Structure formats: structure tokens, C-alpha cells
N, C-alpha and C. Protein backbone atom coordinates (compact mmCIF):
# COMPACT_ATOMS: atom_id res chain seq x y z
N MET A 1 0.55 -1.73 -0.07
CA MET A 1 -0.24 0.34 0.14
C MET A 1 1.01 1.52 -0.26
N ILE A 2 0.59 1.67 -0.85
CA ILE A 2 1.49 3.33 -1.09
C ILE A 2 1.36 4.73 -0.42
N GLY A 3 -0.57 4.33 0.02
CA GLY A 3 -0.48 4.99 0.87
C GLY A 3 -1.25 4.88 2.28
N TYR A 4 -1.87 5.59 3.57
CA TYR A 4 -2.35 5.38 4.14
C TYR A 4 -3.71 6.60 4.19
N LYS A 5 -5.18 5.55 3.75
CA LYS A 5 -6.18 6.50 3.25
C LYS A 5 -6.85 5.83 4.42
N LYS A 6 -7.80 7.25 4.63
CA LYS A 6 -9.00 7.00 6.11
C LYS A 6 -9.94 7.83 5.69
N PRO A 7 -11.17 7.55 5.24
CA PRO A 7 -12.68 8.69 5.07
C PRO A 7 -13.00 9.36 6.04
N VAL A 8 -12.82 10.03 5.83
CA VAL A 8 -13.53 11.44 7.84
C VAL A 8 -14.74 11.85 7.47
N ASN A 9 -15.75 11.95 8.59
CA ASN A 9 -17.18 12.19 8.73
C ASN A 9 -17.00 13.84 8.63
N LEU A 10 -16.42 14.38 8.16
CA LEU A 10 -16.32 16.26 7.87
C LEU A 10 -16.12 16.59 6.60
N PRO A 11 -17.07 17.86 5.94
CA PRO A 11 -16.55 18.36 4.96
C PRO A 11 -15.23 19.23 4.81
N TYR A 12 -14.73 19.05 3.76
CA TYR A 12 -13.72 19.22 3.33
C TYR A 12 -12.34 20.64 3.93
N ASP A 13 -12.94 21.31 3.94
CA ASP A 13 -12.50 22.74 4.47
C ASP A 13 -12.04 22.06 6.17
N GLN A 14 -13.07 21.85 6.66
CA GLN A 14 -12.81 21.19 8.36
C GLN A 14 -11.98 19.35 8.14
N ALA A 15 -11.99 19.56 7.70
CA ALA A 15 -10.75 17.77 7.19
C ALA A 15 -9.31 18.59 7.20
N VAL A 16 -9.14 19.67 6.01
CA VAL A 16 -8.12 20.29 5.90
C VAL A 16 -7.41 20.86 7.58
N ALA A 17 -8.04 21.93 8.13
CA ALA A 17 -7.92 21.90 9.09
C ALA A 17 -7.90 20.96 10.15
N ARG A 18 -8.48 20.20 10.20
CA ARG A 18 -7.95 18.57 11.34
C ARG A 18 -6.76 18.13 11.00
N ALA A 19 -6.34 17.92 9.97
CA ALA A 19 -5.30 17.02 9.49
C ALA A 19 -4.35 18.18 10.15
N ARG A 20 -4.45 19.49 9.54
CA ARG A 20 -3.01 20.21 9.98
C ARG A 20 -2.81 20.25 11.54
N GLU A 21 -4.12 20.49 12.34
CA GLU A 21 -4.30 20.58 13.94
C GLU A 21 -3.69 18.60 13.75
N GLU A 22 -4.06 17.86 14.14
CA GLU A 22 -3.46 16.35 14.14
C GLU A 22 -1.80 16.65 13.46
N LEU A 23 -2.26 16.68 12.92
CA LEU A 23 -0.07 16.86 12.05
C LEU A 23 0.49 17.60 13.00
N GLY A 24 0.25 18.75 13.32
CA GLY A 24 1.14 19.11 14.10
C GLY A 24 1.42 18.50 15.75
N LYS A 25 0.53 17.55 16.16
CA LYS A 25 0.74 17.84 17.33
C LYS A 25 1.19 16.24 17.53
N GLU A 26 1.85 15.54 16.06
CA GLU A 26 2.82 13.77 15.90
C GLU A 26 3.48 14.11 14.71
N VAL A 27 3.52 14.87 13.92
CA VAL A 27 4.99 15.03 13.24
C VAL A 27 4.68 16.26 11.99
N GLY A 28 3.70 16.96 11.98
CA GLY A 28 3.82 18.11 11.40
C GLY A 28 4.07 17.37 9.83
N ALA A 29 3.70 18.16 8.49
CA ALA A 29 3.70 17.92 7.30
C ALA A 29 5.08 17.31 7.30
N CYS A 30 6.19 17.39 7.47
CA CYS A 30 7.74 16.53 7.94
C CYS A 30 8.10 17.21 9.44
N ASN A 31 8.72 16.07 9.42
CA ASN A 31 9.59 16.26 11.10
C ASN A 31 11.18 16.81 11.25
N PRO A 32 11.14 17.43 11.35
CA PRO A 32 12.40 18.03 10.96
C PRO A 32 13.72 17.26 11.60
N PRO A 33 13.20 16.58 13.31
CA PRO A 33 14.29 15.79 13.84
C PRO A 33 14.52 13.93 13.32
N PHE A 34 12.75 13.82 12.35
CA PHE A 34 12.87 12.95 11.64
C PHE A 34 14.00 12.77 10.49
N ALA A 35 13.70 14.26 9.91
CA ALA A 35 13.98 13.91 8.94
C ALA A 35 15.83 13.98 8.67
N TYR A 36 16.21 15.23 9.59
CA TYR A 36 17.64 14.61 10.01
C TYR A 36 18.42 13.25 10.61
N GLN A 37 17.60 12.66 10.96
CA GLN A 37 18.26 11.16 11.43
C GLN A 37 17.80 10.21 9.69
N ALA A 38 17.32 10.50 8.80
CA ALA A 38 16.66 10.25 7.99
C ALA A 38 17.96 10.56 6.95
N LEU A 39 18.54 11.70 6.58
CA LEU A 39 19.58 12.33 6.14
C LEU A 39 20.86 11.98 6.29
N LYS A 40 21.09 11.46 8.01
CA LYS A 40 22.63 11.62 8.32
C LYS A 40 22.48 10.26 7.72
N VAL A 41 21.93 8.78 7.73
CA VAL A 41 22.00 7.39 6.78
C VAL A 41 22.46 7.96 5.58
N ILE A 42 21.68 8.99 4.48
CA ILE A 42 21.40 8.79 2.93
C ILE A 42 20.83 9.90 2.61
N LYS A 43 22.13 10.87 2.17
CA LYS A 43 21.16 12.15 1.83
C LYS A 43 20.58 12.26 1.08
N ASP A 44 20.58 11.28 0.06
CA ASP A 44 19.59 11.47 -1.05
C ASP A 44 18.37 10.84 -0.34
N VAL A 45 17.59 10.86 0.06
CA VAL A 45 16.60 9.95 1.29
C VAL A 45 15.67 11.56 1.24
N GLY A 46 16.48 12.81 1.24
CA GLY A 46 15.45 13.74 1.10
C GLY A 46 14.52 13.70 -0.42
N LEU A 47 15.04 13.64 -1.02
CA LEU A 47 14.11 13.32 -2.42
C LEU A 47 13.14 12.15 -2.28
N MET A 48 12.33 11.45 -1.24
CA MET A 48 11.54 10.58 -0.96
C MET A 48 11.41 10.35 0.31
N MET A 49 11.11 12.26 1.17
CA MET A 49 10.75 11.91 2.19
C MET A 49 9.08 11.93 2.05
N PRO A 50 8.63 11.52 3.41
CA PRO A 50 6.56 11.24 2.82
C PRO A 50 6.65 12.24 3.39
N CYS A 51 6.80 13.39 3.12
CA CYS A 51 5.81 14.73 3.42
C CYS A 51 4.64 15.18 3.32
N ASN A 52 4.28 14.30 2.27
CA ASN A 52 2.85 14.98 1.84
C ASN A 52 1.43 13.90 2.57
N VAL A 53 0.68 14.95 2.47
CA VAL A 53 -0.02 14.76 3.11
C VAL A 53 -1.24 15.14 2.21
N ILE A 54 -2.64 14.55 1.65
CA ILE A 54 -3.61 14.48 1.01
C ILE A 54 -5.06 15.04 1.72
N VAL A 55 -5.55 15.92 1.20
CA VAL A 55 -7.07 15.10 1.69
C VAL A 55 -8.03 16.13 -0.10
N PHE A 56 -8.91 14.99 -0.20
CA PHE A 56 -9.55 15.07 -1.36
C PHE A 56 -11.47 14.45 -0.53
N THR A 57 -11.82 14.61 -2.14
CA THR A 57 -13.76 14.29 -1.73
C THR A 57 -13.47 13.50 -2.97
N GLN A 58 -14.24 12.31 -2.37
CA GLN A 58 -14.35 11.84 -4.25
C GLN A 58 -15.74 10.91 -3.58
N GLU A 59 -16.62 10.92 -4.48
CA GLU A 59 -17.80 10.36 -4.84
C GLU A 59 -18.37 10.78 -3.41
N GLY A 60 -18.68 12.45 -3.00
CA GLY A 60 -19.74 13.03 -2.33
C GLY A 60 -18.66 12.10 -0.52
N LYS A 61 -17.63 11.67 0.00
CA LYS A 61 -16.92 11.73 1.18
C LYS A 61 -15.86 12.12 1.14
N THR A 62 -14.71 12.37 1.85
CA THR A 62 -13.90 13.30 2.96
C THR A 62 -12.81 12.38 2.73
N PHE A 63 -11.81 12.30 2.18
CA PHE A 63 -10.40 11.66 2.62
C PHE A 63 -9.49 12.09 2.96
N VAL A 64 -8.48 11.72 3.98
CA VAL A 64 -7.08 12.07 4.27
C VAL A 64 -5.97 10.88 4.31
N GLU A 65 -4.64 11.19 3.17
CA GLU A 65 -3.99 10.14 2.85
C GLU A 65 -2.88 10.71 3.20
N ALA A 66 -2.19 9.87 3.41
CA ALA A 66 -0.50 10.37 3.44
C ALA A 66 0.40 9.58 2.70
N ALA A 67 1.32 9.39 2.59
CA ALA A 67 2.79 8.38 2.04
C ALA A 67 2.88 7.70 2.98
N THR A 68 2.85 6.33 2.39
CA THR A 68 3.89 5.47 3.63
C THR A 68 5.05 5.37 3.13
N PRO A 69 5.32 5.92 4.95
CA PRO A 69 6.88 6.46 5.11
C PRO A 69 7.83 4.64 4.55
N THR A 70 7.65 3.73 4.97
CA THR A 70 7.61 2.71 5.44
C THR A 70 7.72 1.57 3.32
N VAL A 71 7.11 2.08 2.88
CA VAL A 71 7.38 1.40 1.65
C VAL A 71 8.08 2.47 1.05
N LEU A 72 7.90 3.76 1.02
CA LEU A 72 9.08 4.83 0.03
C LEU A 72 10.64 4.21 1.02
N MET A 73 10.51 4.42 1.63
CA MET A 73 12.39 3.73 2.36
C MET A 73 12.62 2.59 2.12
N ASP A 74 11.74 1.61 1.69
CA ASP A 74 12.25 0.52 1.61
C ASP A 74 12.77 0.19 -0.47
N LEU A 75 11.90 1.59 -0.74
CA LEU A 75 12.49 2.00 -1.59
C LEU A 75 14.12 1.95 -2.15
N ILE A 76 14.37 2.38 -1.18
CA ILE A 76 16.34 3.15 -1.45
C ILE A 76 16.83 1.82 -0.67
N GLN A 77 16.18 0.72 -0.25
CA GLN A 77 16.98 -0.59 0.13
C GLN A 77 17.81 -0.47 0.91
N ASN A 78 18.11 0.49 2.19
CA ASN A 78 19.14 0.37 3.67
C ASN A 78 18.27 0.32 4.35
N LYS A 79 18.71 -0.91 4.66
CA LYS A 79 18.06 -1.05 6.55
C LYS A 79 18.36 0.01 7.70
N ASP A 80 18.89 0.57 7.29
CA ASP A 80 18.95 1.94 8.37
C ASP A 80 17.96 2.62 8.57
N LEU A 81 17.61 3.08 7.45
CA LEU A 81 15.82 4.33 6.99
C LEU A 81 15.16 3.28 7.49
N ARG A 82 14.54 1.91 8.24
CA ARG A 82 13.63 1.00 8.01
C ARG A 82 12.92 1.67 9.41
N PRO A 83 13.89 1.67 10.37
CA PRO A 83 12.75 2.47 11.92
C PRO A 83 12.42 3.28 12.38
N ILE A 84 13.37 4.55 11.27
CA ILE A 84 13.07 5.67 10.97
C ILE A 84 11.43 5.74 10.17
N ALA A 85 11.79 5.28 9.47
CA ALA A 85 10.44 5.31 8.95
C ALA A 85 9.20 4.27 9.31
N GLN A 86 9.64 3.49 10.08
CA GLN A 86 8.54 2.53 10.93
C GLN A 86 7.86 3.49 11.89
N ALA A 87 8.73 4.51 12.49
CA ALA A 87 8.04 6.00 13.78
C ALA A 87 7.60 7.00 13.01
N ILE A 88 7.77 6.75 11.66
CA ILE A 88 7.59 8.30 11.34
C ILE A 88 5.99 7.77 11.00
N GLU A 89 5.73 6.90 10.34
CA GLU A 89 4.90 5.88 9.85
C GLU A 89 3.59 6.17 10.89
N GLY A 90 3.51 4.89 12.30
CA GLY A 90 3.44 5.15 13.51
C GLY A 90 2.38 6.39 13.73
N LYS A 91 3.21 7.80 13.79
CA LYS A 91 2.88 8.72 14.27
C LYS A 91 1.89 9.47 13.02
N LEU A 92 2.26 9.42 11.47
CA LEU A 92 1.08 9.57 10.78
C LEU A 92 -0.33 9.18 10.42
N LYS A 93 -0.05 7.39 11.17
CA LYS A 93 -1.41 6.86 11.04
C LYS A 93 -2.19 7.03 12.38
N LYS A 94 -1.52 7.64 13.42
CA LYS A 94 -2.23 8.40 14.44
C LYS A 94 -2.74 9.68 14.46
N ALA A 95 -2.58 10.43 13.60
CA ALA A 95 -2.53 11.68 13.76
C ALA A 95 -3.93 11.47 12.40
N ILE A 96 -3.96 10.76 11.63
CA ILE A 96 -4.72 10.71 10.47
C ILE A 96 -6.30 9.94 11.69
N ASP A 97 -5.60 8.76 11.82
CA ASP A 97 -6.62 8.12 12.30
C ASP A 97 -7.87 9.18 13.66
N ASN A 98 -7.22 10.01 14.11
CA ASN A 98 -7.43 11.00 15.41
C ASN A 98 -8.33 12.05 14.82
N ILE A 99 -8.06 11.75 12.63
CA ILE A 99 -9.07 13.26 12.40
C ILE A 99 -10.26 12.77 12.08
N ASN A 100 -11.39 13.69 12.75
CA ASN A 100 -13.05 13.24 12.69
C ASN A 100 -13.78 14.27 12.76
């Protein structure tokens, strides 16, 4: 799965506001300490950092979705990035799960 997606029971504008709020509690859109850890492992990882979170409507439903860090980091095939990606993914999922 490339992204972690969840339907939310909010209109688009409210979902965007809640996504910003929840991401701010957990990881922001990009967490500088995690980014720094990953960049120390391999500089080029910056090209793949899962900093994107999207909010969209489809068929009358609102969704929040984030790139799945473990999938993106696995493309680089560096085992030292896996724990960082897992930590970020846990925080992203928690933030998205708290949007309602």
C-alpha cells in the first residue's frame, strides 16, 4: 500500500483544518528531527521523504491520505532507514486516525 487513507466524517475545509491540527501534534507535514536522522543515513533520502498529506473528496466523501513511509524508504533498500520510517509511519497513522 503506497498510502494510508481514511475516510472522515467532515466537509473538506474542516478535514484540512483537522489534518493540520493533528499532524502538528504528531509529526507536522515533515518532522525535522526524523528528517535529520534519515539524512544522516543517506543524503538522497530527502528526495523520497513522505512529507505529503492530501485531503480530497471523492463521490461525496472526504478522505485524508499520507504517503506510507515504510514503502517509500524500502525503495532505497537501506536497512538503517527502516526504523525511522516505522516511527514516522506510526505517528502519521495516529494523526490521520484522530481526524474525525
